[in-house]
C-alpha atoms as a PDB file:
ATOM      1  CA  MET A   1     -12.278 -43.913  -3.886  1.00  0.00           C
ATOM      2  CA  THR A   2     -15.491 -42.052  -3.067  1.00  0.00           C
ATOM      3  CA  ARG A   3     -14.855 -42.564   0.635  1.00  0.00           C
ATOM      4  CA  PHE A   4     -11.319 -41.180   0.253  1.00  0.00           C
ATOM      5  CA  LEU A   5     -12.603 -38.044  -1.529  1.00  0.00           C
ATOM      6  CA  THR A   6     -15.241 -37.540   1.158  1.00  0.00           C
ATOM      7  CA  CYS A   7     -12.540 -37.674   3.853  1.00  0.00           C
ATOM      8  CA  CYS A   8     -10.405 -35.174   1.920  1.00  0.00           C
ATOM      9  CA  LEU A   9     -13.338 -32.779   1.596  1.00  0.00           C
ATOM     10  CA  PHE A  10     -14.093 -33.134   5.302  1.00  0.00           C
ATOM     11  CA  VAL A  11     -10.484 -32.293   6.237  1.00  0.00           C
ATOM     12  CA  PHE A  12     -10.534 -29.369   3.799  1.00  0.00           C
ATOM     13  CA  PHE A  13     -13.672 -27.818   5.273  1.00  0.00           C
ATOM     14  CA  VAL A  14     -12.460 -28.391   8.834  1.00  0.00           C
ATOM     15  CA  HIS A  15      -9.277 -26.537   7.912  1.00  0.00           C
ATOM     16  CA  LEU A  16     -11.348 -23.669   6.500  1.00  0.00           C
ATOM     17  CA  GLY A  17     -13.270 -23.472   9.748  1.00  0.00           C
ATOM     18  CA  LEU A  18     -10.069 -23.349  11.790  1.00  0.00           C
ATOM     19  CA  ALA A  19      -8.561 -20.697   9.551  1.00  0.00           C
ATOM     20  CA  GLN A  20     -11.523 -18.331   9.616  1.00  0.00           C
ATOM     21  CA  ASN A  21     -10.590 -14.704   9.398  1.00  0.00           C
ATOM     22  CA  ILE A  22     -10.686 -12.803  12.702  1.00  0.00           C
ATOM     23  CA  GLU A  23      -9.770  -9.353  11.404  1.00  0.00           C
ATOM     24  CA  GLY A  24     -12.401  -6.646  11.697  1.00  0.00           C
ATOM     25  CA  VAL A  25     -14.362  -4.385  14.040  1.00  0.00           C
ATOM     26  CA  PHE A  26     -16.562  -5.988  16.725  1.00  0.00           C
ATOM     27  CA  PHE A  27     -18.926  -4.362  19.190  1.00  0.00           C
ATOM     28  CA  GLY A  28     -21.001  -5.430  22.170  1.00  0.00           C
ATOM     29  CA  SER A  29     -22.258  -4.449  25.639  1.00  0.00           C
ATOM     30  CA  LEU A  30     -20.960  -5.290  29.106  1.00  0.00           C
ATOM     31  CA  ASP A  31     -22.435  -4.030  32.399  1.00  0.00           C
ATOM     32  CA  GLY A  32     -24.589  -1.554  30.473  1.00  0.00           C
ATOM     33  CA  ASN A  33     -21.652  -0.053  28.572  1.00  0.00           C
ATOM     34  CA  THR A  34     -20.894  -0.408  24.864  1.00  0.00           C
ATOM     35  CA  TYR A  35     -17.422  -1.405  23.702  1.00  0.00           C
ATOM     36  CA  ALA A  36     -15.708  -1.949  20.363  1.00  0.00           C
ATOM     37  CA  LEU A  37     -12.730  -4.152  19.560  1.00  0.00           C
ATOM     38  CA  LYS A  38     -10.663  -3.611  16.422  1.00  0.00           C
ATOM     39  CA  ILE A  39      -8.470  -6.575  15.450  1.00  0.00           C
ATOM     40  CA  ARG A  40      -5.681  -6.693  12.852  1.00  0.00           C
ATOM     41  CA  GLU A  41      -4.183 -10.029  11.841  1.00  0.00           C
ATOM     42  CA  GLN A  42      -0.412 -10.365  11.553  1.00  0.00           C
ATOM     43  CA  GLY A  43      -0.002 -14.065  10.890  1.00  0.00           C
ATOM     44  CA  GLU A  44      -0.870 -15.900  14.100  1.00  0.00           C
ATOM     45  CA  LEU A  45      -0.453 -12.674  16.070  1.00  0.00           C
ATOM     46  CA  LEU A  46      -3.409 -10.347  16.609  1.00  0.00           C
ATOM     47  CA  MET A  47      -3.012  -6.626  17.282  1.00  0.00           C
ATOM     48  CA  GLY A  48      -5.689  -4.064  17.934  1.00  0.00           C
ATOM     49  CA  GLU A  49      -7.483  -1.545  20.104  1.00  0.00           C
ATOM     50  CA  TRP A  50     -10.298  -1.693  22.652  1.00  0.00           C
ATOM     51  CA  PHE A  51     -12.646   1.330  22.657  1.00  0.00           C
ATOM     52  CA  ASP A  52     -15.160   2.522  25.237  1.00  0.00           C
ATOM     53  CA  GLU A  53     -18.089   4.915  24.765  1.00  0.00           C
ATOM     54  CA  SER A  54     -15.864   7.989  25.094  1.00  0.00           C
ATOM     55  CA  LEU A  55     -13.691   6.658  22.220  1.00  0.00           C
ATOM     56  CA  SER A  56     -10.789   6.238  24.633  1.00  0.00           C
ATOM     57  CA  GLN A  57      -8.671   3.412  23.288  1.00  0.00           C
ATOM     58  CA  ARG A  58      -6.451   0.787  24.916  1.00  0.00           C
ATOM     59  CA  ASP A  59      -4.090  -1.692  23.286  1.00  0.00           C
ATOM     60  CA  PHE A  60      -5.027  -5.293  22.612  1.00  0.00           C
ATOM     61  CA  ILE A  61      -2.640  -8.111  21.727  1.00  0.00           C
ATOM     62  CA  GLY A  62      -3.516 -11.737  21.197  1.00  0.00           C
ATOM     63  CA  LYS A  63      -2.767 -14.991  19.427  1.00  0.00           C
ATOM     64  CA  ARG A  64      -4.998 -17.115  17.264  1.00  0.00           C
ATOM     65  CA  GLN A  65      -6.400 -20.303  18.732  1.00  0.00           C
ATOM     66  CA  GLU A  66      -8.290 -23.142  17.079  1.00  0.00           C
ATOM     67  CA  LYS A  67     -11.702 -21.460  17.243  1.00  0.00           C
ATOM     68  CA  GLY A  68     -10.824 -17.930  18.285  1.00  0.00           C
ATOM     69  CA  PHE A  69      -8.014 -16.328  20.252  1.00  0.00           C
ATOM     70  CA  LYS A  70      -6.389 -15.654  23.606  1.00  0.00           C
ATOM     71  CA  GLY A  71      -5.070 -12.247  24.465  1.00  0.00           C
ATOM     72  CA  VAL A  72      -4.572  -9.352  26.840  1.00  0.00           C
ATOM     73  CA  LEU A  73      -6.304  -5.982  26.799  1.00  0.00           C
ATOM     74  CA  ASP A  74      -6.344  -2.938  29.024  1.00  0.00           C
ATOM     75  CA  MET A  75      -9.636  -2.641  30.932  1.00  0.00           C
ATOM     76  CA  ASP A  76     -10.030   0.326  33.301  1.00  0.00           C
ATOM     77  CA  GLY A  77      -6.259   0.703  33.565  1.00  0.00           C
ATOM     78  CA  GLU A  78      -5.575  -2.954  34.328  1.00  0.00           C
ATOM     79  CA  GLU A  79      -4.352  -5.679  31.994  1.00  0.00           C
ATOM     80  CA  GLN A  80      -7.018  -8.330  31.588  1.00  0.00           C
ATOM     81  CA  GLU A  81      -6.495 -11.784  30.118  1.00  0.00           C
ATOM     82  CA  VAL A  82      -9.259 -12.755  27.691  1.00  0.00           C
ATOM     83  CA  GLU A  83     -10.299 -15.863  25.804  1.00  0.00           C
ATOM     84  CA  ALA A  84     -12.643 -15.716  22.822  1.00  0.00           C
ATOM     85  CA  THR A  85     -14.417 -17.991  20.395  1.00  0.00           C
ATOM     86  CA  LEU A  86     -15.641 -16.857  16.999  1.00  0.00           C
ATOM     87  CA  HIS A  87     -18.537 -18.380  15.091  1.00  0.00           C
ATOM     88  CA  LYS A  88     -19.226 -16.604  11.818  1.00  0.00           C
ATOM     89  CA  LYS A  89     -19.934 -12.970  12.885  1.00  0.00           C
ATOM     90  CA  LYS A  90     -20.438 -13.709  16.588  1.00  0.00           C
ATOM     91  CA  LEU A  91     -17.609 -13.335  19.089  1.00  0.00           C
ATOM     92  CA  GLN A  92     -17.927 -14.612  22.665  1.00  0.00           C
ATOM     93  CA  MET A  93     -15.157 -13.141  24.835  1.00  0.00           C
ATOM     94  CA  VAL A  94     -14.533 -14.043  28.489  1.00  0.00           C
ATOM     95  CA  PHE A  95     -12.447 -12.049  30.971  1.00  0.00           C
ATOM     96  CA  VAL A  96     -10.541 -14.872  32.653  1.00  0.00           C
ATOM     97  CA  GLU A  97     -10.060 -13.369  36.126  1.00  0.00           C
ATOM     98  CA  SER A  98     -13.599 -12.069  36.679  1.00  0.00           C
ATOM     99  CA  GLY A  99     -15.407 -14.643  34.573  1.00  0.00           C
ATOM    100  CA  LYS A 100     -17.444 -11.874  32.948  1.00  0.00           C
ATOM    101  CA  SER A 101     -18.448 -12.466  29.352  1.00  0.00           C
ATOM    102  CA  ILE A 102     -19.252 -10.118  26.497  1.00  0.00           C
ATOM    103  CA  LYS A 103     -21.045 -11.105  23.310  1.00  0.00           C
ATOM    104  CA  MET A 104     -19.814  -9.101  20.341  1.00  0.00           C
ATOM    105  CA  GLU A 105     -20.792  -8.932  16.697  1.00  0.00           C
ATOM    106  CA  ARG A 106     -18.490  -8.192  13.803  1.00  0.00           C
ATOM    107  CA  MET A 107     -19.780  -4.995  12.214  1.00  0.00           C
ATOM    108  CA  SER A 108     -17.216  -4.950   9.428  1.00  0.00           C
ATOM    109  CA  LYS A 109     -14.108  -6.711   8.175  1.00  0.00           C
ATOM    110  CA  ARG A 110     -12.780  -3.307   7.145  1.00  0.00           C
ATOM    111  CA  LEU A 111     -10.605  -1.633   9.770  1.00  0.00           C
ATOM    112  CA  ASP A 112     -11.671   1.858   8.676  1.00  0.00           C
ATOM    113  CA  TYR A 113     -15.267   1.211   9.758  1.00  0.00           C
ATOM    114  CA  ASP A 114     -17.199   4.374  10.672  1.00  0.00           C
ATOM    115  CA  PHE A 115     -17.372   4.382  14.488  1.00  0.00           C
ATOM    116  CA  SER A 116     -20.107   7.017  14.438  1.00  0.00           C
ATOM    117  CA  LYS A 117     -22.514   4.116  13.892  1.00  0.00           C
ATOM    118  CA  ILE A 118     -21.444   2.582  17.233  1.00  0.00           C
ATOM    119  CA  PHE A 119     -20.639   5.671  19.325  1.00  0.00           C
ATOM    120  CA  PRO A 120     -22.604   8.528  17.693  1.00  0.00           C
ATOM    121  CA  GLU A 121     -22.321  11.018  20.567  1.00  0.00           C
ATOM    122  CA  ALA A 122     -18.595  10.512  21.204  1.00  0.00           C
ATOM    123  CA  HIS A 123     -17.881  10.640  17.477  1.00  0.00           C
ATOM    124  CA  LYS A 124     -19.881  13.868  17.143  1.00  0.00           C
ATOM    125  CA  SER A 125     -18.044  15.396  20.122  1.00  0.00           C
ATOM    126  CA  LEU A 126     -14.580  14.487  18.804  1.00  0.00           C
ATOM    127  CA  ARG A 127     -15.479  15.741  15.350  1.00  0.00           C
ATOM    128  CA  TYR A 128     -16.607  19.056  16.856  1.00  0.00           C
ATOM    129  CA  GLN A 129     -13.339  19.335  18.799  1.00  0.00           C
ATOM    130  CA  ILE A 130     -11.050  18.716  15.857  1.00  0.00           C
ATOM    131  CA  ILE A 131     -12.745  20.808  13.167  1.00  0.00           C
ATOM    132  CA  GLY A 132     -11.155  24.223  12.705  1.00  0.00           C
ATOM    133  CA  VAL A 133      -7.965  26.014  11.676  1.00  0.00           C
ATOM    134  CA  TRP A 134      -4.863  24.927  13.580  1.00  0.00           C
ATOM    135  CA  ILE A 135      -1.398  26.510  13.871  1.00  0.00           C
ATOM    136  CA  LEU A 136       1.504  24.046  13.825  1.00  0.00           C
ATOM    137  CA  LYS A 137       3.836  24.993  16.706  1.00  0.00           C
ATOM    138  CA  GLU A 138       6.093  21.930  16.809  1.00  0.00           C
ATOM    139  CA  ARG A 139       6.787  18.779  14.825  1.00  0.00           C
ATOM    140  CA  PHE A 140       9.181  16.307  16.369  1.00  0.00           C
ATOM    141  CA  ARG A 141       9.978  12.684  17.047  1.00  0.00           C
ATOM    142  CA  LEU A 142      11.685  11.121  20.023  1.00  0.00           C
ATOM    143  CA  GLU A 143      15.098   9.506  19.661  1.00  0.00           C
ATOM    144  CA  ASN A 144      16.729   8.117  22.800  1.00  0.00           C
ATOM    145  CA  GLY A 145      14.382  10.252  24.878  1.00  0.00           C
ATOM    146  CA  GLU A 146      15.285  13.504  23.095  1.00  0.00           C
ATOM    147  CA  LYS A 147      13.114  15.587  20.781  1.00  0.00           C
ATOM    148  CA  ILE A 148      14.349  15.791  17.194  1.00  0.00           C
ATOM    149  CA  PHE A 149      12.569  18.739  15.571  1.00  0.00           C
ATOM    150  CA  SER A 150      11.624  18.940  11.898  1.00  0.00           C
ATOM    151  CA  GLU A 151      12.089  22.008   9.712  1.00  0.00           C
ATOM    152  CA  GLU A 152       8.377  22.832  10.032  1.00  0.00           C
ATOM    153  CA  THR A 153       8.803  23.726  13.719  1.00  0.00           C
ATOM    154  CA  GLY A 154       8.497  27.440  14.427  1.00  0.00           C
ATOM    155  CA  LYS A 155       7.033  28.407  11.053  1.00  0.00           C
ATOM    156  CA  ASP A 156       3.406  28.512  12.216  1.00  0.00           C
ATOM    157  CA  TYR A 157       2.052  26.671   9.203  1.00  0.00           C
ATOM    158  CA  LEU A 158      -1.737  26.395   9.153  1.00  0.00           C
ATOM    159  CA  THR A 159      -3.799  23.236   8.766  1.00  0.00           C
ATOM    160  CA  SER A 160      -7.529  23.531   8.171  1.00  0.00           C
ATOM    161  CA  ILE A 161      -9.665  20.531   9.158  1.00  0.00           C
ATOM    162  CA  ASN A 162     -12.932  21.356   7.431  1.00  0.00           C
ATOM    163  CA  PRO A 163     -16.482  20.118   8.146  1.00  0.00           C
ATOM    164  CA  ASP A 164     -16.801  18.962   4.519  1.00  0.00           C
ATOM    165  CA  GLY A 165     -13.977  16.448   5.002  1.00  0.00           C
ATOM    166  CA  LYS A 166     -11.227  18.493   3.341  1.00  0.00           C
ATOM    167  CA  TYR A 167      -7.797  18.554   5.027  1.00  0.00           C
ATOM    168  CA  VAL A 168      -6.195  21.746   3.720  1.00  0.00           C
ATOM    169  CA  LEU A 169      -2.471  22.308   4.187  1.00  0.00           C
ATOM    170  CA  ASP A 170      -0.654  25.652   4.248  1.00  0.00           C
ATOM    171  CA  ILE A 171       0.526  26.703   0.801  1.00  0.00           C
ATOM    172  CA  ARG A 172       3.594  28.253   2.460  1.00  0.00           C
ATOM    173  CA  GLY A 173       4.846  24.796   3.401  1.00  0.00           C
ATOM    174  CA  PHE A 174       4.819  23.645  -0.218  1.00  0.00           C
ATOM    175  CA  ARG A 175       6.431  26.928  -1.298  1.00  0.00           C
ATOM    176  CA  ASP A 176       9.270  26.498   1.218  1.00  0.00           C
ATOM    177  CA  VAL A 177       9.918  22.908   0.110  1.00  0.00           C
ATOM    178  CA  ASP A 178       9.936  24.022  -3.539  1.00  0.00           C
ATOM    179  CA  GLU A 179      12.449  26.793  -2.785  1.00  0.00           C
ATOM    180  CA  LYS A 180      14.702  24.425  -0.847  1.00  0.00           C
ATOM    181  CA  MET A 181      14.703  21.817  -3.627  1.00  0.00           C
ATOM    182  CA  ALA A 182      15.355  24.499  -6.250  1.00  0.00           C
ATOM    183  CA  LYS A 183      18.483  25.623  -4.382  1.00  0.00           C
ATOM    184  CA  GLU A 184      19.762  22.122  -3.648  1.00  0.00           C
ATOM    185  CA  LEU A 185      19.130  20.772  -7.156  1.00  0.00           C
ATOM    186  CA  ASN A 186      19.726  24.034  -9.048  1.00  0.00           C
ATOM    187  CA  ILE A 187      16.298  23.896 -10.700  1.00  0.00           C
ATOM    188  CA  PRO A 188      15.753  26.681 -13.283  1.00  0.00           C
ATOM    189  CA  ALA A 189      12.935  29.143 -12.575  1.00  0.00           C
ATOM    190  CA  GLN A 190      10.897  27.981 -15.570  1.00  0.00           C
ATOM    191  CA  HIS A 191      10.704  24.479 -14.084  1.00  0.00           C
ATOM    192  CA  ARG A 192       9.675  25.587 -10.615  1.00  0.00           C
ATOM    193  CA  LEU A 193       6.168  25.028  -9.282  1.00  0.00           C
ATOM    194  CA  LYS A 194       3.730  27.820 -10.072  1.00  0.00           C
ATOM    195  CA  ALA A 195       1.328  29.391  -7.556  1.00  0.00           C
ATOM    196  CA  ALA A 196      -1.555  27.415  -9.077  1.00  0.00           C
ATOM    197  CA  ASP A 197       0.401  24.172  -8.586  1.00  0.00           C
ATOM    198  CA  LEU A 198       1.092  24.982  -4.937  1.00  0.00           C
ATOM    199  CA  PHE A 199      -2.566  25.810  -4.332  1.00  0.00           C
ATOM    200  CA  GLU A 200      -3.698  22.564  -5.969  1.00  0.00           C
ATOM    201  CA  MET A 201      -1.290  20.553  -3.800  1.00  0.00           C
ATOM    202  CA  SER A 202      -2.593  22.216  -0.637  1.00  0.00           C
ATOM    203  CA  GLN A 203      -6.127  21.067  -1.523  1.00  0.00           C
ATOM    204  CA  MET A 204      -5.303  17.433  -2.317  1.00  0.00           C
ATOM    205  CA  PHE A 205      -6.189  15.749   0.977  1.00  0.00           C
ATOM    206  CA  SER A 206      -9.265  14.668   2.924  1.00  0.00           C
ATOM    207  CA  TRP A 207      -9.840  13.365   6.442  1.00  0.00           C
ATOM    208  CA  LYS A 208     -12.119  11.089   8.432  1.00  0.00           C
ATOM    209  CA  LEU A 209     -12.260   9.782  11.976  1.00  0.00           C
ATOM    210  CA  ILE A 210     -11.427   6.119  12.530  1.00  0.00           C
ATOM    211  CA  GLY A 211     -12.303   5.452  16.144  1.00  0.00           C
ATOM    212  CA  SER A 212     -10.319   8.092  18.017  1.00  0.00           C
ATOM    213  CA  ASN A 213      -7.726   8.384  15.250  1.00  0.00           C
ATOM    214  CA  LEU A 214      -7.512  10.753  12.295  1.00  0.00           C
ATOM    215  CA  LYS A 215      -7.078   9.277   8.822  1.00  0.00           C
ATOM    216  CA  VAL A 216      -5.590  11.616   6.178  1.00  0.00           C
ATOM    217  CA  PHE A 217      -5.697  10.485   2.554  1.00  0.00           C
ATOM    218  CA  PRO A 218      -5.691  11.857  -1.020  1.00  0.00           C
ATOM    219  CA  THR A 219      -9.134  13.088  -2.082  1.00  0.00           C
ATOM    220  CA  GLN A 220      -8.525  11.629  -5.543  1.00  0.00           C
ATOM    221  CA  PRO A 221      -6.807   8.213  -5.705  1.00  0.00           C
ATOM    222  CA  ILE A 222      -3.207   8.390  -6.913  1.00  0.00           C
ATOM    223  CA  SER A 223      -2.449   5.755  -9.537  1.00  0.00           C
ATOM    224  CA  GLY A 224      -0.068   3.061  -8.320  1.00  0.00           C
ATOM    225  CA  SER A 225      -0.066   4.363  -4.755  1.00  0.00           C
ATOM    226  CA  ASP A 226      -2.140   3.743  -1.647  1.00  0.00           C
ATOM    227  CA  ILE A 227      -1.289   6.746   0.525  1.00  0.00           C
ATOM    228  CA  GLU A 228      -2.942   7.202   3.893  1.00  0.00           C
ATOM    229  CA  ILE A 229      -1.672   8.484   7.219  1.00  0.00           C
ATOM    230  CA  ILE A 230      -3.205   7.503  10.543  1.00  0.00           C
ATOM    231  CA  LYS A 231      -2.693   9.990  13.374  1.00  0.00           C
ATOM    232  CA  ILE A 232      -3.531   9.432  17.037  1.00  0.00           C
ATOM    233  CA  ILE A 233      -5.555  12.350  18.434  1.00  0.00           C
ATOM    234  CA  GLU A 234      -4.861  13.784  21.889  1.00  0.00           C
ATOM    235  CA  PHE A 235      -5.829  17.070  23.530  1.00  0.00           C
ATOM    236  CA  LEU A 236      -3.705  18.548  26.324  1.00  0.00           C
ATOM    237  CA  ASP A 237      -3.811  22.084  27.764  1.00  0.00           C
ATOM    238  CA  GLU A 238      -5.972  23.287  24.834  1.00  0.00           C
ATOM    239  CA  LYS A 239      -3.386  21.981  22.361  1.00  0.00           C
ATOM    240  CA  LEU A 240      -3.974  19.325  19.727  1.00  0.00           C
ATOM    241  CA  PHE A 241      -1.398  16.545  19.484  1.00  0.00           C
ATOM    242  CA  LEU A 242      -1.394  14.383  16.345  1.00  0.00           C
ATOM    243  CA  THR A 243       1.008  11.432  16.428  1.00  0.00           C
ATOM    244  CA  GLU A 244       1.639   9.570  13.177  1.00  0.00           C
ATOM    245  CA  LEU A 245       1.050   5.906  13.914  1.00  0.00           C
ATOM    246  CA  ILE A 246       3.835   4.493  11.721  1.00  0.00           C
ATOM    247  CA  SER A 247       6.558   7.164  11.667  1.00  0.00           C
ATOM    248  CA  GLY A 248       6.118   8.422  15.238  1.00  0.00           C
ATOM    249  CA  TRP A 249       6.233  12.100  14.238  1.00  0.00           C
ATOM    250  CA  VAL A 250       4.301  14.284  16.691  1.00  0.00           C
ATOM    251  CA  GLU A 251       2.578  17.482  15.560  1.00  0.00           C
ATOM    252  CA  VAL A 252       1.598  20.035  18.213  1.00  0.00           C
ATOM    253  CA  TYR A 253      -1.100  22.545  17.247  1.00  0.00           C
ATOM    254  CA  GLU A 254      -2.807  25.557  18.768  1.00  0.00           C
ATOM    255  CA  ARG A 255      -6.259  26.560  17.558  1.00  0.00           C
ATOM    256  CA  LYS A 256      -6.285  29.748  15.479  1.00  0.00           C
ATOM    257  CA  LYS A 257      -8.379  32.365  17.280  1.00  0.00           C
END
């Protein structure tokens, strides 16, 4: 009986070892350059991003293996097959074609890890670029290759991305939504939002950089809800493009002079 229990415990702990969690943020150096790899688990499938020192990001996709994973990531514009083994916090990843190897360490199991600790200069530069008051010129999403514009397009709403972490939205946007709902639902004037309510709503959000993405979230937690929006940051022709990761909506901004 004792021998049987010992065997069961052995199988149990072996299973735990095989099922170790891979999700998290890893970093390491290769050829004198520092890289970070963010991995999200979706069952046996692994999704993520590969970051260089400029915070440029490339897609990563992989599949769990017995002691790690196999996958493909974009390295210098070329798809590279990789194989990796994970032991506790240490990740050993090999680029199959070149045979080069990078030793990485898991810095955090949280995917919103502060990249300024890994890439302080790039983080500081991106933060400097994004802070300011921005004018929303367009908001659209692509459907069958065509732009579908939202009602916010052309209204020049302002968004203020403040150094203190506040993400302040234009009170006019909330006012316009309130007026539209009042007309559609025939809401009496006494039940409409007051100016103080609109101001409070405009001040509700905060921001932080996650890698080269912008995370927008309520400053005060909302009971029963876990609201956060991740936006991909791009700059083109002095314009700021923010693309919502899940919905695909693209916001095009010009900096307020």
